[in-house]
């Protein structure tokens, strides 16, 4: 009877452990890959820039209108401001410092907490139109193909993401993705400080410093035919290369080349004139190390929840199930039988 109770207890314990392993593997681990409600990450960048000196341009000093090789730093903070079931509202703030200028920008996105793609926002929340596209983060265990798209806030366009290969960064396996953008600038924050038109005399003075295509089109006759002032439009061009931790989706390193080019129409053809800003920057070495450490810690937790803990629980459960069937020790046939002697008679009992 005691042996039967022991067997029932072992089987019950084994069933509990198997259930716990299943909960860890199929409930807790997937939840751990969701974008946390308290996610808050700051990344630092540094590089060089070419910028338009608006004051020099207004004064007709076209020789110094573009200032090159200016140091640039940037701080980017991405944080979850609220969650609504499977949707997270992200605030993506970027502060760029070019020389003595500070250029802040802030965007709000609604993203699916699992896929990290743009989704419908909660009622009453205004977000960027990034439906179906990545914005501020890749998902864990991201696909190693060209299936993603990316939303560019400057041009408000959605463009393909190209998977270019695998690499290693900070002792972590990473996927490398490349994003290229070339589209009209539509962000009001970017357009606000840019001139909507340029006096014809300034355009004529700029011609010698323009590219070969613009110089060929902007002949004296073509310039004479343009309205005064000459209307301007702007094109945003950028290339982003991101090294994404394969397990956690954390961007361990990034390099960004971004420029805004002033354009006009000459004889019915769009013509690029000159960049009003050109930035080239990458994640600082210290931020790369910090991001690598963050990815390693998050990866260890995911490995424990997904693989190690469920496996240990399953092995212990198996051991408990096998215990009732373990071979019992048998008495050796040569060993003398144990006898008990009655004190009165001196004869064995039993």
C-alpha atoms as a PDB file:
ATOM      1  CA  UNK A   1       0.000   0.000   0.000  1.00  0.00           C
ATOM      2  CA  UNK A   2       2.808   2.370   0.923  1.00  0.00           C
ATOM      3  CA  UNK A   3       4.561   1.557  -2.360  1.00  0.00           C
ATOM      4  CA  UNK A   4       1.404   2.412  -4.309  1.00  0.00           C
ATOM      5  CA  UNK A   5       1.055   5.796  -2.525  1.00  0.00           C
ATOM      6  CA  UNK A   6       4.689   6.546  -3.288  1.00  0.00           C
ATOM      7  CA  UNK A   7       4.185   5.765  -6.984  1.00  0.00           C
ATOM      8  CA  UNK A   8       1.102   7.999  -7.172  1.00  0.00           C
ATOM      9  CA  UNK A   9       3.037  10.840  -5.529  1.00  0.00           C
ATOM     10  CA  UNK A  10       5.965  10.516  -7.943  1.00  0.00           C
ATOM     11  CA  UNK A  11       3.688  10.442 -10.987  1.00  0.00           C
ATOM     12  CA  UNK A  12       1.821  13.523  -9.715  1.00  0.00           C
ATOM     13  CA  UNK A  13       5.058  15.412  -9.162  1.00  0.00           C
ATOM     14  CA  UNK A  14       6.269  14.436 -12.636  1.00  0.00           C
ATOM     15  CA  UNK A  15       3.027  15.680 -14.192  1.00  0.00           C
ATOM     16  CA  UNK A  16       3.363  19.001 -12.356  1.00  0.00           C
ATOM     17  CA  UNK A  17       6.941  19.416 -13.608  1.00  0.00           C
ATOM     18  CA  UNK A  18       5.966  18.608 -17.211  1.00  0.00           C
ATOM     19  CA  UNK A  19       3.141  21.152 -17.003  1.00  0.00           C
ATOM     20  CA  UNK A  20       5.552  23.751 -15.594  1.00  0.00           C
ATOM     21  CA  UNK A  21       7.999  23.050 -18.434  1.00  0.00           C
ATOM     22  CA  UNK A  22       5.231  23.504 -20.994  1.00  0.00           C
ATOM     23  CA  UNK A  23       4.123  26.788 -19.412  1.00  0.00           C
ATOM     24  CA  UNK A  24       7.691  28.103 -19.442  1.00  0.00           C
ATOM     25  CA  UNK A  25       8.319  27.072 -23.047  1.00  0.00           C
ATOM     26  CA  UNK A  26       5.025  28.014 -24.656  1.00  0.00           C
ATOM     27  CA  UNK A  27       3.665  30.834 -22.443  1.00  0.00           C
ATOM     28  CA  UNK A  28       6.375  32.554 -20.424  1.00  0.00           C
ATOM     29  CA  UNK A  29       9.111  32.458 -23.105  1.00  0.00           C
ATOM     30  CA  UNK A  30       6.932  33.936 -25.908  1.00  0.00           C
ATOM     31  CA  UNK A  31       5.745  36.676 -23.542  1.00  0.00           C
ATOM     32  CA  UNK A  32       9.378  37.464 -22.746  1.00  0.00           C
ATOM     33  CA  UNK A  33      10.001  38.304 -26.424  1.00  0.00           C
ATOM     34  CA  UNK A  34       7.213  40.895 -26.491  1.00  0.00           C
ATOM     35  CA  UNK A  35       8.237  44.549 -26.353  1.00  0.00           C
ATOM     36  CA  UNK A  36       8.245  45.293 -22.594  1.00  0.00           C
ATOM     37  CA  UNK A  37       5.897  47.939 -21.236  1.00  0.00           C
ATOM     38  CA  UNK A  38       8.878  49.630 -19.539  1.00  0.00           C
ATOM     39  CA  UNK A  39      11.257  49.500 -22.534  1.00  0.00           C
ATOM     40  CA  UNK A  40      13.481  52.598 -22.546  1.00  0.00           C
ATOM     41  CA  UNK A  41      16.773  52.734 -24.447  1.00  0.00           C
ATOM     42  CA  UNK A  42      19.158  55.574 -25.308  1.00  0.00           C
ATOM     43  CA  UNK A  43      21.830  55.255 -28.014  1.00  0.00           C
ATOM     44  CA  UNK A  44      24.601  57.735 -28.794  1.00  0.00           C
ATOM     45  CA  UNK A  45      26.045  58.488 -32.256  1.00  0.00           C
ATOM     46  CA  UNK A  46      28.917  60.551 -33.622  1.00  0.00           C
ATOM     47  CA  UNK A  47      30.196  61.522 -37.065  1.00  0.00           C
ATOM     48  CA  UNK A  48      30.652  64.402 -39.517  1.00  0.00           C
ATOM     49  CA  UNK A  49      28.300  66.683 -41.425  1.00  0.00           C
ATOM     50  CA  UNK A  50      27.989  69.192 -44.248  1.00  0.00           C
ATOM     51  CA  UNK A  51      25.430  71.929 -43.591  1.00  0.00           C
ATOM     52  CA  UNK A  52      24.030  74.952 -45.359  1.00  0.00           C
ATOM     53  CA  UNK A  53      24.915  78.307 -43.801  1.00  0.00           C
ATOM     54  CA  UNK A  54      21.614  80.123 -44.366  1.00  0.00           C
ATOM     55  CA  UNK A  55      22.995  83.479 -43.287  1.00  0.00           C
ATOM     56  CA  UNK A  56      25.894  83.292 -45.751  1.00  0.00           C
ATOM     57  CA  UNK A  57      23.461  82.311 -48.504  1.00  0.00           C
ATOM     58  CA  UNK A  58      21.135  85.213 -47.729  1.00  0.00           C
ATOM     59  CA  UNK A  59      24.111  87.583 -47.860  1.00  0.00           C
ATOM     60  CA  UNK A  60      25.110  86.250 -51.252  1.00  0.00           C
ATOM     61  CA  UNK A  61      28.301  84.622 -49.954  1.00  0.00           C
ATOM     62  CA  UNK A  62      27.880  81.503 -52.065  1.00  0.00           C
ATOM     63  CA  UNK A  63      31.523  80.499 -51.579  1.00  0.00           C
ATOM     64  CA  UNK A  64      30.808  79.821 -47.909  1.00  0.00           C
ATOM     65  CA  UNK A  65      27.195  78.708 -48.220  1.00  0.00           C
ATOM     66  CA  UNK A  66      28.165  75.078 -47.511  1.00  0.00           C
ATOM     67  CA  UNK A  67      30.185  74.269 -44.411  1.00  0.00           C
ATOM     68  CA  UNK A  68      31.871  70.856 -44.594  1.00  0.00           C
ATOM     69  CA  UNK A  69      33.372  68.389 -42.114  1.00  0.00           C
ATOM     70  CA  UNK A  70      31.473  69.690 -39.105  1.00  0.00           C
ATOM     71  CA  UNK A  71      31.436  67.376 -36.043  1.00  0.00           C
ATOM     72  CA  UNK A  72      28.023  65.864 -35.377  1.00  0.00           C
ATOM     73  CA  UNK A  73      26.683  63.972 -32.355  1.00  0.00           C
ATOM     74  CA  UNK A  74      23.238  62.537 -31.807  1.00  0.00           C
ATOM     75  CA  UNK A  75      21.320  61.050 -28.906  1.00  0.00           C
ATOM     76  CA  UNK A  76      18.369  58.810 -29.679  1.00  0.00           C
ATOM     77  CA  UNK A  77      15.927  57.667 -27.032  1.00  0.00           C
ATOM     78  CA  UNK A  78      13.231  55.101 -27.802  1.00  0.00           C
ATOM     79  CA  UNK A  79      10.746  54.352 -25.044  1.00  0.00           C
ATOM     80  CA  UNK A  80       7.329  52.802 -24.604  1.00  0.00           C
ATOM     81  CA  UNK A  81       4.915  55.430 -23.302  1.00  0.00           C
ATOM     82  CA  UNK A  82       1.888  53.120 -23.072  1.00  0.00           C
ATOM     83  CA  UNK A  83       0.659  49.631 -23.942  1.00  0.00           C
ATOM     84  CA  UNK A  84      -2.780  48.518 -25.054  1.00  0.00           C
ATOM     85  CA  UNK A  85      -2.929  44.722 -25.173  1.00  0.00           C
ATOM     86  CA  UNK A  86      -0.664  43.679 -28.035  1.00  0.00           C
ATOM     87  CA  UNK A  87       0.008  47.274 -29.121  1.00  0.00           C
ATOM     88  CA  UNK A  88       2.707  49.573 -27.760  1.00  0.00           C
ATOM     89  CA  UNK A  89       2.919  53.321 -28.314  1.00  0.00           C
ATOM     90  CA  UNK A  90       6.558  54.313 -28.846  1.00  0.00           C
ATOM     91  CA  UNK A  91       8.153  57.733 -28.532  1.00  0.00           C
ATOM     92  CA  UNK A  92      11.290  58.012 -30.688  1.00  0.00           C
ATOM     93  CA  UNK A  93      13.253  61.166 -29.862  1.00  0.00           C
ATOM     94  CA  UNK A  94      16.411  62.211 -31.715  1.00  0.00           C
ATOM     95  CA  UNK A  95      18.581  65.194 -30.785  1.00  0.00           C
ATOM     96  CA  UNK A  96      21.246  66.001 -33.381  1.00  0.00           C
ATOM     97  CA  UNK A  97      23.999  68.512 -32.615  1.00  0.00           C
ATOM     98  CA  UNK A  98      25.808  69.908 -35.659  1.00  0.00           C
ATOM     99  CA  UNK A  99      28.468  72.384 -34.609  1.00  0.00           C
ATOM    100  CA  UNK A 100      26.560  74.858 -32.438  1.00  0.00           C
ATOM    101  CA  UNK A 101      23.146  73.909 -33.834  1.00  0.00           C
ATOM    102  CA  UNK A 102      20.784  71.608 -31.986  1.00  0.00           C
ATOM    103  CA  UNK A 103      18.171  69.845 -34.117  1.00  0.00           C
ATOM    104  CA  UNK A 104      15.598  67.979 -32.012  1.00  0.00           C
ATOM    105  CA  UNK A 105      12.859  65.759 -33.438  1.00  0.00           C
ATOM    106  CA  UNK A 106      10.282  63.458 -31.887  1.00  0.00           C
ATOM    107  CA  UNK A 107       8.042  60.856 -33.525  1.00  0.00           C
ATOM    108  CA  UNK A 108       5.306  58.643 -32.118  1.00  0.00           C
ATOM    109  CA  UNK A 109       4.567  55.157 -33.444  1.00  0.00           C
ATOM    110  CA  UNK A 110       2.058  52.416 -32.714  1.00  0.00           C
ATOM    111  CA  UNK A 111       3.739  49.013 -33.047  1.00  0.00           C
ATOM    112  CA  UNK A 112       2.770  45.392 -32.587  1.00  0.00           C
ATOM    113  CA  UNK A 113       4.613  44.208 -29.469  1.00  0.00           C
ATOM    114  CA  UNK A 114       5.531  40.871 -31.080  1.00  0.00           C
ATOM    115  CA  UNK A 115       6.362  41.696 -34.700  1.00  0.00           C
ATOM    116  CA  UNK A 116       7.508  45.323 -34.054  1.00  0.00           C
ATOM    117  CA  UNK A 117       5.639  46.347 -37.218  1.00  0.00           C
ATOM    118  CA  UNK A 118       3.470  49.439 -37.338  1.00  0.00           C
ATOM    119  CA  UNK A 119      -0.147  48.851 -36.385  1.00  0.00           C
ATOM    120  CA  UNK A 120      -3.369  50.758 -35.763  1.00  0.00           C
ATOM    121  CA  UNK A 121      -3.069  53.164 -32.818  1.00  0.00           C
ATOM    122  CA  UNK A 122      -5.359  53.150 -29.787  1.00  0.00           C
ATOM    123  CA  UNK A 123      -8.279  55.563 -29.905  1.00  0.00           C
ATOM    124  CA  UNK A 124      -7.287  59.199 -29.431  1.00  0.00           C
ATOM    125  CA  UNK A 125      -3.578  58.652 -30.187  1.00  0.00           C
ATOM    126  CA  UNK A 126      -1.947  60.328 -33.209  1.00  0.00           C
ATOM    127  CA  UNK A 127       0.990  58.418 -34.675  1.00  0.00           C
ATOM    128  CA  UNK A 128       3.127  58.323 -37.810  1.00  0.00           C
ATOM    129  CA  UNK A 129       1.588  56.407 -40.770  1.00  0.00           C
ATOM    130  CA  UNK A 130       3.884  53.378 -40.447  1.00  0.00           C
ATOM    131  CA  UNK A 131       1.295  50.609 -40.814  1.00  0.00           C
ATOM    132  CA  UNK A 132       2.981  47.262 -41.514  1.00  0.00           C
ATOM    133  CA  UNK A 133       6.531  48.653 -41.452  1.00  0.00           C
ATOM    134  CA  UNK A 134       9.399  48.598 -38.960  1.00  0.00           C
ATOM    135  CA  UNK A 135      10.305  51.925 -37.358  1.00  0.00           C
ATOM    136  CA  UNK A 136      12.434  51.799 -34.232  1.00  0.00           C
ATOM    137  CA  UNK A 137      13.243  48.125 -33.623  1.00  0.00           C
ATOM    138  CA  UNK A 138      13.520  44.660 -35.154  1.00  0.00           C
ATOM    139  CA  UNK A 139      11.803  41.625 -33.592  1.00  0.00           C
ATOM    140  CA  UNK A 140      13.754  38.867 -31.825  1.00  0.00           C
ATOM    141  CA  UNK A 141      14.875  36.077 -34.147  1.00  0.00           C
ATOM    142  CA  UNK A 142      14.291  38.373 -37.133  1.00  0.00           C
ATOM    143  CA  UNK A 143      13.806  36.806 -40.574  1.00  0.00           C
ATOM    144  CA  UNK A 144      17.003  36.545 -42.602  1.00  0.00           C
ATOM    145  CA  UNK A 145      15.433  37.651 -45.873  1.00  0.00           C
ATOM    146  CA  UNK A 146      13.968  40.705 -47.618  1.00  0.00           C
ATOM    147  CA  UNK A 147      10.475  40.396 -46.155  1.00  0.00           C
ATOM    148  CA  UNK A 148      10.545  43.563 -43.995  1.00  0.00           C
ATOM    149  CA  UNK A 149       9.708  47.138 -44.896  1.00  0.00           C
ATOM    150  CA  UNK A 150      10.808  50.324 -43.128  1.00  0.00           C
ATOM    151  CA  UNK A 151       9.025  53.626 -42.506  1.00  0.00           C
ATOM    152  CA  UNK A 152      11.140  56.750 -43.048  1.00  0.00           C
ATOM    153  CA  UNK A 153       9.715  59.689 -41.085  1.00  0.00           C
ATOM    154  CA  UNK A 154      11.527  62.405 -43.088  1.00  0.00           C
ATOM    155  CA  UNK A 155       9.891  61.403 -46.368  1.00  0.00           C
ATOM    156  CA  UNK A 156       6.898  59.590 -44.845  1.00  0.00           C
ATOM    157  CA  UNK A 157       7.553  56.725 -47.211  1.00  0.00           C
ATOM    158  CA  UNK A 158       7.738  52.959 -46.721  1.00  0.00           C
ATOM    159  CA  UNK A 159      10.719  51.289 -48.372  1.00  0.00           C
ATOM    160  CA  UNK A 160      12.118  47.724 -48.598  1.00  0.00           C
ATOM    161  CA  UNK A 161      14.632  46.344 -46.097  1.00  0.00           C
ATOM    162  CA  UNK A 162      17.390  44.285 -47.694  1.00  0.00           C
ATOM    163  CA  UNK A 163      19.072  41.434 -45.807  1.00  0.00           C
ATOM    164  CA  UNK A 164      22.765  41.513 -46.762  1.00  0.00           C
ATOM    165  CA  UNK A 165      24.287  38.735 -44.652  1.00  0.00           C
ATOM    166  CA  UNK A 166      25.447  37.560 -41.249  1.00  0.00           C
ATOM    167  CA  UNK A 167      28.274  38.826 -39.069  1.00  0.00           C
ATOM    168  CA  UNK A 168      29.538  38.946 -35.494  1.00  0.00           C
ATOM    169  CA  UNK A 169      29.566  42.051 -33.297  1.00  0.00           C
ATOM    170  CA  UNK A 170      30.539  42.236 -29.634  1.00  0.00           C
ATOM    171  CA  UNK A 171      30.710  38.410 -29.554  1.00  0.00           C
ATOM    172  CA  UNK A 172      27.098  38.236 -30.721  1.00  0.00           C
ATOM    173  CA  UNK A 173      25.736  36.740 -33.957  1.00  0.00           C
ATOM    174  CA  UNK A 174      24.061  39.535 -35.909  1.00  0.00           C
ATOM    175  CA  UNK A 175      21.984  39.910 -39.069  1.00  0.00           C
ATOM    176  CA  UNK A 176      22.969  42.790 -41.331  1.00  0.00           C
ATOM    177  CA  UNK A 177      20.206  44.793 -43.026  1.00  0.00           C
ATOM    178  CA  UNK A 178      20.427  47.749 -45.403  1.00  0.00           C
ATOM    179  CA  UNK A 179      17.757  50.393 -45.968  1.00  0.00           C
ATOM    180  CA  UNK A 180      17.865  52.966 -48.775  1.00  0.00           C
ATOM    181  CA  UNK A 181      15.506  55.925 -49.124  1.00  0.00           C
ATOM    182  CA  UNK A 182      15.097  58.525 -51.886  1.00  0.00           C
ATOM    183  CA  UNK A 183      11.821  60.436 -51.859  1.00  0.00           C
ATOM    184  CA  UNK A 184      10.416  63.964 -51.465  1.00  0.00           C
ATOM    185  CA  UNK A 185      10.679  65.402 -47.953  1.00  0.00           C
ATOM    186  CA  UNK A 186       7.237  65.521 -46.308  1.00  0.00           C
ATOM    187  CA  UNK A 187       7.995  65.974 -42.619  1.00  0.00           C
ATOM    188  CA  UNK A 188       6.758  69.473 -41.654  1.00  0.00           C
ATOM    189  CA  UNK A 189       9.405  69.723 -38.928  1.00  0.00           C
ATOM    190  CA  UNK A 190      12.145  69.258 -41.530  1.00  0.00           C
ATOM    191  CA  UNK A 191      10.584  71.553 -44.137  1.00  0.00           C
ATOM    192  CA  UNK A 192       9.790  74.434 -41.764  1.00  0.00           C
ATOM    193  CA  UNK A 193      13.297  76.003 -41.570  1.00  0.00           C
ATOM    194  CA  UNK A 194      14.107  75.419 -45.260  1.00  0.00           C
ATOM    195  CA  UNK A 195      13.552  78.233 -47.805  1.00  0.00           C
ATOM    196  CA  UNK A 196      10.626  77.668 -50.147  1.00  0.00           C
ATOM    197  CA  UNK A 197      12.320  79.661 -52.928  1.00  0.00           C
ATOM    198  CA  UNK A 198      15.685  81.140 -53.885  1.00  0.00           C
ATOM    199  CA  UNK A 199      16.308  84.526 -55.549  1.00  0.00           C
ATOM    200  CA  UNK A 200      17.357  84.006 -59.140  1.00  0.00           C
ATOM    201  CA  UNK A 201      20.574  85.976 -58.660  1.00  0.00           C
ATOM    202  CA  UNK A 202      21.659  83.627 -55.865  1.00  0.00           C
ATOM    203  CA  UNK A 203      20.904  80.583 -57.985  1.00  0.00           C
ATOM    204  CA  UNK A 204      23.018  82.010 -60.813  1.00  0.00           C
ATOM    205  CA  UNK A 205      25.868  82.629 -58.357  1.00  0.00           C
ATOM    206  CA  UNK A 206      25.633  79.048 -57.070  1.00  0.00           C
ATOM    207  CA  UNK A 207      25.878  77.388 -60.495  1.00  0.00           C
ATOM    208  CA  UNK A 208      29.719  77.028 -60.528  1.00  0.00           C
ATOM    209  CA  UNK A 209      29.582  75.045 -57.253  1.00  0.00           C
ATOM    210  CA  UNK A 210      26.800  72.660 -58.378  1.00  0.00           C
ATOM    211  CA  UNK A 211      27.106  69.170 -59.828  1.00  0.00           C
ATOM    212  CA  UNK A 212      27.751  68.573 -63.514  1.00  0.00           C
ATOM    213  CA  UNK A 213      24.116  67.717 -64.350  1.00  0.00           C
ATOM    214  CA  UNK A 214      22.815  70.916 -62.727  1.00  0.00           C
ATOM    215  CA  UNK A 215      25.489  73.035 -64.402  1.00  0.00           C
ATOM    216  CA  UNK A 216      24.618  71.560 -67.788  1.00  0.00           C
ATOM    217  CA  UNK A 217      20.919  72.371 -67.339  1.00  0.00           C
ATOM    218  CA  UNK A 218      21.266  75.774 -65.707  1.00  0.00           C
ATOM    219  CA  UNK A 219      22.490  77.673 -68.741  1.00  0.00           C
ATOM    220  CA  UNK A 220      22.015  81.463 -68.771  1.00  0.00           C
ATOM    221  CA  UNK A 221      18.997  81.005 -71.032  1.00  0.00           C
ATOM    222  CA  UNK A 222      17.447  78.357 -68.757  1.00  0.00           C
ATOM    223  CA  UNK A 223      17.973  80.549 -65.686  1.00  0.00           C
ATOM    224  CA  UNK A 224      16.411  83.531 -67.478  1.00  0.00           C
ATOM    225  CA  UNK A 225      13.308  81.427 -68.142  1.00  0.00           C
ATOM    226  CA  UNK A 226      12.856  80.538 -64.463  1.00  0.00           C
ATOM    227  CA  UNK A 227      10.495  82.504 -62.227  1.00  0.00           C
ATOM    228  CA  UNK A 228      11.995  84.843 -59.637  1.00  0.00           C
ATOM    229  CA  UNK A 229      12.288  83.695 -56.914  1.00  0.00           C
ATOM    230  CA  UNK A 230      12.982  80.137 -58.065  1.00  0.00           C
ATOM    231  CA  UNK A 231      10.700  77.637 -56.228  1.00  0.00           C
ATOM    232  CA  UNK A 232      12.501  74.874 -54.355  1.00  0.00           C
ATOM    233  CA  UNK A 233      11.538  71.348 -53.364  1.00  0.00           C
ATOM    234  CA  UNK A 234      13.534  68.924 -51.227  1.00  0.00           C
ATOM    235  CA  UNK A 235      14.484  65.278 -51.591  1.00  0.00           C
ATOM    236  CA  UNK A 236      15.500  63.083 -48.665  1.00  0.00           C
ATOM    237  CA  UNK A 237      18.150  60.486 -49.364  1.00  0.00           C
ATOM    238  CA  UNK A 238      19.475  58.115 -46.754  1.00  0.00           C
ATOM    239  CA  UNK A 239      21.232  54.796 -46.329  1.00  0.00           C
ATOM    240  CA  UNK A 240      21.039  52.911 -43.049  1.00  0.00           C
ATOM    241  CA  UNK A 241      23.059  49.780 -42.276  1.00  0.00           C
ATOM    242  CA  UNK A 242      21.962  47.974 -39.113  1.00  0.00           C
ATOM    243  CA  UNK A 243      23.577  45.032 -37.343  1.00  0.00           C
ATOM    244  CA  UNK A 244      20.741  43.308 -35.480  1.00  0.00           C
ATOM    245  CA  UNK A 245      21.349  40.754 -32.732  1.00  0.00           C
ATOM    246  CA  UNK A 246      19.958  37.517 -34.116  1.00  0.00           C
ATOM    247  CA  UNK A 247      18.444  36.276 -30.868  1.00  0.00           C
ATOM    248  CA  UNK A 248      17.025  39.434 -29.258  1.00  0.00           C
ATOM    249  CA  UNK A 249      16.490  41.894 -32.142  1.00  0.00           C
ATOM    250  CA  UNK A 250      18.632  44.571 -30.473  1.00  0.00           C
ATOM    251  CA  UNK A 251      20.481  46.854 -32.910  1.00  0.00           C
ATOM    252  CA  UNK A 252      24.056  46.377 -31.695  1.00  0.00           C
ATOM    253  CA  UNK A 253      25.509  48.773 -34.293  1.00  0.00           C
ATOM    254  CA  UNK A 254      24.190  51.158 -36.945  1.00  0.00           C
ATOM    255  CA  UNK A 255      25.619  53.480 -39.566  1.00  0.00           C
ATOM    256  CA  UNK A 256      23.527  56.265 -41.091  1.00  0.00           C
ATOM    257  CA  UNK A 257      24.184  58.466 -44.137  1.00  0.00           C
ATOM    258  CA  UNK A 258      21.455  61.040 -44.618  1.00  0.00           C
ATOM    259  CA  UNK A 259      21.137  64.111 -46.822  1.00  0.00           C
ATOM    260  CA  UNK A 260      18.475  66.578 -47.850  1.00  0.00           C
ATOM    261  CA  UNK A 261      18.913  67.967 -51.346  1.00  0.00           C
ATOM    262  CA  UNK A 262      17.343  71.151 -52.696  1.00  0.00           C
ATOM    263  CA  UNK A 263      15.798  70.652 -56.145  1.00  0.00           C
ATOM    264  CA  UNK A 264      13.982  72.752 -58.717  1.00  0.00           C
ATOM    265  CA  UNK A 265      12.410  72.198 -62.116  1.00  0.00           C
ATOM    266  CA  UNK A 266      14.404  73.299 -65.167  1.00  0.00           C
ATOM    267  CA  UNK A 267      12.763  73.002 -68.618  1.00  0.00           C
ATOM    268  CA  UNK A 268      10.243  70.581 -67.143  1.00  0.00           C
ATOM    269  CA  UNK A 269      12.890  68.320 -65.591  1.00  0.00           C
ATOM    270  CA  UNK A 270      13.518  67.922 -61.829  1.00  0.00           C
ATOM    271  CA  UNK A 271      17.071  69.089 -61.161  1.00  0.00           C
ATOM    272  CA  UNK A 272      19.076  68.490 -57.984  1.00  0.00           C
ATOM    273  CA  UNK A 273      20.902  71.627 -56.888  1.00  0.00           C
ATOM    274  CA  UNK A 274      22.847  71.165 -53.650  1.00  0.00           C
ATOM    275  CA  UNK A 275      22.530  69.426 -50.294  1.00  0.00           C
ATOM    276  CA  UNK A 276      21.201  71.635 -47.523  1.00  0.00           C
ATOM    277  CA  UNK A 277      22.419  69.036 -45.026  1.00  0.00           C
ATOM    278  CA  UNK A 278      24.436  65.839 -45.230  1.00  0.00           C
ATOM    279  CA  UNK A 279      25.025  63.771 -42.109  1.00  0.00           C
ATOM    280  CA  UNK A 280      27.157  60.663 -41.715  1.00  0.00           C
ATOM    281  CA  UNK A 281      27.222  59.109 -38.249  1.00  0.00           C
ATOM    282  CA  UNK A 282      27.429  55.779 -36.456  1.00  0.00           C
ATOM    283  CA  UNK A 283      26.851  54.371 -32.978  1.00  0.00           C
ATOM    284  CA  UNK A 284      29.695  55.340 -30.643  1.00  0.00           C
ATOM    285  CA  UNK A 285      32.058  52.543 -29.514  1.00  0.00           C
ATOM    286  CA  UNK A 286      30.814  52.817 -25.916  1.00  0.00           C
ATOM    287  CA  UNK A 287      27.176  52.502 -26.993  1.00  0.00           C
ATOM    288  CA  UNK A 288      28.093  49.485 -29.134  1.00  0.00           C
ATOM    289  CA  UNK A 289      29.633  47.807 -26.072  1.00  0.00           C
ATOM    290  CA  UNK A 290      26.614  48.672 -23.918  1.00  0.00           C
ATOM    291  CA  UNK A 291      24.199  47.352 -26.547  1.00  0.00           C
ATOM    292  CA  UNK A 292      26.250  44.163 -26.866  1.00  0.00           C
ATOM    293  CA  UNK A 293      26.062  43.663 -23.087  1.00  0.00           C
ATOM    294  CA  UNK A 294      22.309  44.296 -23.129  1.00  0.00           C
ATOM    295  CA  UNK A 295      21.849  41.764 -25.926  1.00  0.00           C
ATOM    296  CA  UNK A 296      23.952  39.189 -24.045  1.00  0.00           C
ATOM    297  CA  UNK A 297      21.900  39.581 -20.847  1.00  0.00           C
ATOM    298  CA  UNK A 298      18.577  39.444 -22.680  1.00  0.00           C
ATOM    299  CA  UNK A 299      19.776  36.476 -24.724  1.00  0.00           C
ATOM    300  CA  UNK A 300      20.793  34.547 -21.607  1.00  0.00           C
ATOM    301  CA  UNK A 301      17.349  35.078 -20.084  1.00  0.00           C
ATOM    302  CA  UNK A 302      15.648  33.915 -23.283  1.00  0.00           C
ATOM    303  CA  UNK A 303      17.867  30.809 -23.430  1.00  0.00           C
ATOM    304  CA  UNK A 304      17.021  29.942 -19.816  1.00  0.00           C
ATOM    305  CA  UNK A 305      13.288  30.376 -20.381  1.00  0.00           C
ATOM    306  CA  UNK A 306      13.123  28.762 -23.814  1.00  0.00           C
ATOM    307  CA  UNK A 307      15.581  25.871 -23.533  1.00  0.00           C
ATOM    308  CA  UNK A 308      17.398  25.284 -20.246  1.00  0.00           C
ATOM    309  CA  UNK A 309      14.631  25.491 -17.636  1.00  0.00           C
ATOM    310  CA  UNK A 310      12.036  23.454 -19.613  1.00  0.00           C
ATOM    311  CA  UNK A 311      14.651  20.790 -20.384  1.00  0.00           C
ATOM    312  CA  UNK A 312      15.745  20.497 -16.738  1.00  0.00           C
ATOM    313  CA  UNK A 313      12.137  20.210 -15.572  1.00  0.00           C
ATOM    314  CA  UNK A 314      11.398  17.551 -18.206  1.00  0.00           C
ATOM    315  CA  UNK A 315      14.482  15.509 -17.228  1.00  0.00           C
ATOM    316  CA  UNK A 316      13.568  15.638 -13.526  1.00  0.00           C
ATOM    317  CA  UNK A 317      10.011  14.568 -14.406  1.00  0.00           C
ATOM    318  CA  UNK A 318      11.378  11.606 -16.381  1.00  0.00           C
ATOM    319  CA  UNK A 319      13.579  10.563 -13.457  1.00  0.00           C
ATOM    320  CA  UNK A 320      10.577  10.677 -11.102  1.00  0.00           C
ATOM    321  CA  UNK A 321       8.545   8.494 -13.481  1.00  0.00           C
ATOM    322  CA  UNK A 322      11.336   5.912 -13.672  1.00  0.00           C
ATOM    323  CA  UNK A 323      11.899   5.684  -9.907  1.00  0.00           C
ATOM    324  CA  UNK A 324       9.087   3.125  -9.213  1.00  0.00           C
ATOM    325  CA  UNK A 325      10.631   0.810 -11.803  1.00  0.00           C
ATOM    326  CA  UNK A 326      14.186   0.917 -10.458  1.00  0.00           C
ATOM    327  CA  UNK A 327      15.649  -2.538  -9.680  1.00  0.00           C
ATOM    328  CA  UNK A 328      15.389  -3.481  -5.993  1.00  0.00           C
ATOM    329  CA  UNK A 329      18.356  -4.947  -4.108  1.00  0.00           C
ATOM    330  CA  UNK A 330      17.980  -8.730  -3.543  1.00  0.00           C
ATOM    331  CA  UNK A 331      19.454 -10.665  -0.595  1.00  0.00           C
ATOM    332  CA  UNK A 332      22.405 -12.854  -1.490  1.00  0.00           C
ATOM    333  CA  UNK A 333      21.477 -16.591  -1.334  1.00  0.00           C
ATOM    334  CA  UNK A 334      24.659 -17.296   0.722  1.00  0.00           C
ATOM    335  CA  UNK A 335      23.796 -14.761   3.426  1.00  0.00           C
ATOM    336  CA  UNK A 336      22.540 -16.359   6.723  1.00  0.00           C
ATOM    337  CA  UNK A 337      18.932 -15.731   7.611  1.00  0.00           C
ATOM    338  CA  UNK A 338      18.317 -13.355  10.471  1.00  0.00           C
ATOM    339  CA  UNK A 339      16.680 -15.147  13.389  1.00  0.00           C
ATOM    340  CA  UNK A 340      15.247 -13.822  16.576  1.00  0.00           C
ATOM    341  CA  UNK A 341      15.505 -15.989  19.734  1.00  0.00           C
ATOM    342  CA  UNK A 342      12.760 -16.043  22.357  1.00  0.00           C
ATOM    343  CA  UNK A 343      14.231 -15.285  25.751  1.00  0.00           C
ATOM    344  CA  UNK A 344      12.281 -18.007  27.539  1.00  0.00           C
ATOM    345  CA  UNK A 345      12.850 -21.025  25.313  1.00  0.00           C
ATOM    346  CA  UNK A 346      15.947 -20.061  23.421  1.00  0.00           C
ATOM    347  CA  UNK A 347      14.260 -21.218  20.211  1.00  0.00           C
ATOM    348  CA  UNK A 348      13.938 -19.141  17.057  1.00  0.00           C
ATOM    349  CA  UNK A 349      10.678 -17.300  16.567  1.00  0.00           C
ATOM    350  CA  UNK A 350       8.941 -17.498  13.200  1.00  0.00           C
END
